[in-house]
Amino acid sequence: MSDWVAIGVPSSAGAHHAGQDRAPAALRAAGLIDGLRAAGVDITDAGDLPATLFAVDHEHPRARSLGAVVKVAGQVADAVAGQLAAGARPLVIGGDCTITVGVMAGFRRQYPDAGLVYVDGDTDLGTPELDDGSGIMDSMGISHLLGRGAPELAGLGGPPLDPRRLALLGGDPRETSDVGRRFLADAGVSCVEGPGFAADPAGTAQQAIAAVAAASGPVLVHYDVDVVDSGDLPLGNFPHYGSGVTLEHVTAGLRVLAAHPAFAGLVLTEVNPSYDADGSQLRRYAGALVRAIAG
């Protein structure tokens, strides 16, 4: 991989409410792109894909706004595949978590054996059939990548992702059921929850990407800001208080992931600028990302 290209995805189509759609502009204003350049990272800003905002969908209570989610994911896949074909390394700035399904679809067009390290406060194992009643697609990304759920989203990247090419890192144990844990274990998905990650961010990150890279080609990293305890960084669209995972823990882990030879791209999700009136927490987040990416 050569130079970075930033792709903004101002979408809250798959979310609980609007807000994440503002993140690409807010993170640019907080200095993310300029900070990377100042740190010596060669990055081009390709601008934003079309904005898609959250809309109430009473007609599909089990899979709200599925059509909009699939459309956005398809646009993301096209943009990411195009940049990868040109030899660029994508920094995809979302947006809600459903865009990662699109990013992986784009990766797999160029690299069918691509892998994923999913740094997230949730394991996102919901499906329209097994949903808790919200019908929010944002909580179903991993299920769709593994081939479960709505066929039009699950099939976006072709066959289901090989579980050996997936590692979950940092999830809040309170947000995953025992049934979910058994599903991941039976499938062979590597999973280290928040307490283990916080105890050794660098070591667990190294283990996660080494395991994925051993079974895959290039590796994408997904970073949902809600992996960080909201008491430390209250930016997550869906808050997680009391998880014990700090911004510094995540930054230490990301630094290891970004330094690995298989690291091929990063997708940022779930930042809601509405929660940060003075921009101070956005600047903290952006600065931490610069440190992680630039090493």
Foldseek 3Di string as FASTA:
>chain_A
DDAEEEEEELECQQHPAWFFSCFVVLLVVLPQVVLLVVLPGHYHYPYYDDHYGYDDDPPQQLAGNVVVLLVSLQVLLVVLLVQVVVVHFYEYETDAQSNVLSNVLNVCVVFVFEAEEEEDQAPLCDASVRDPRRNRNSSNNLNLLQPDHDNSSSCSNHHHHQLQRYEYPQYQPVRADPVRVVVSVVSPHHYDYNVRLQVPVQVVLLVNVVSNVVRGAAYEYEHEPQSAACVAQVFAQDHHHPSNQHLVSNLNSLLNLLPDPRHRYYYYHRGGCVVPVVSPSSSVNSVSVSSSNSD
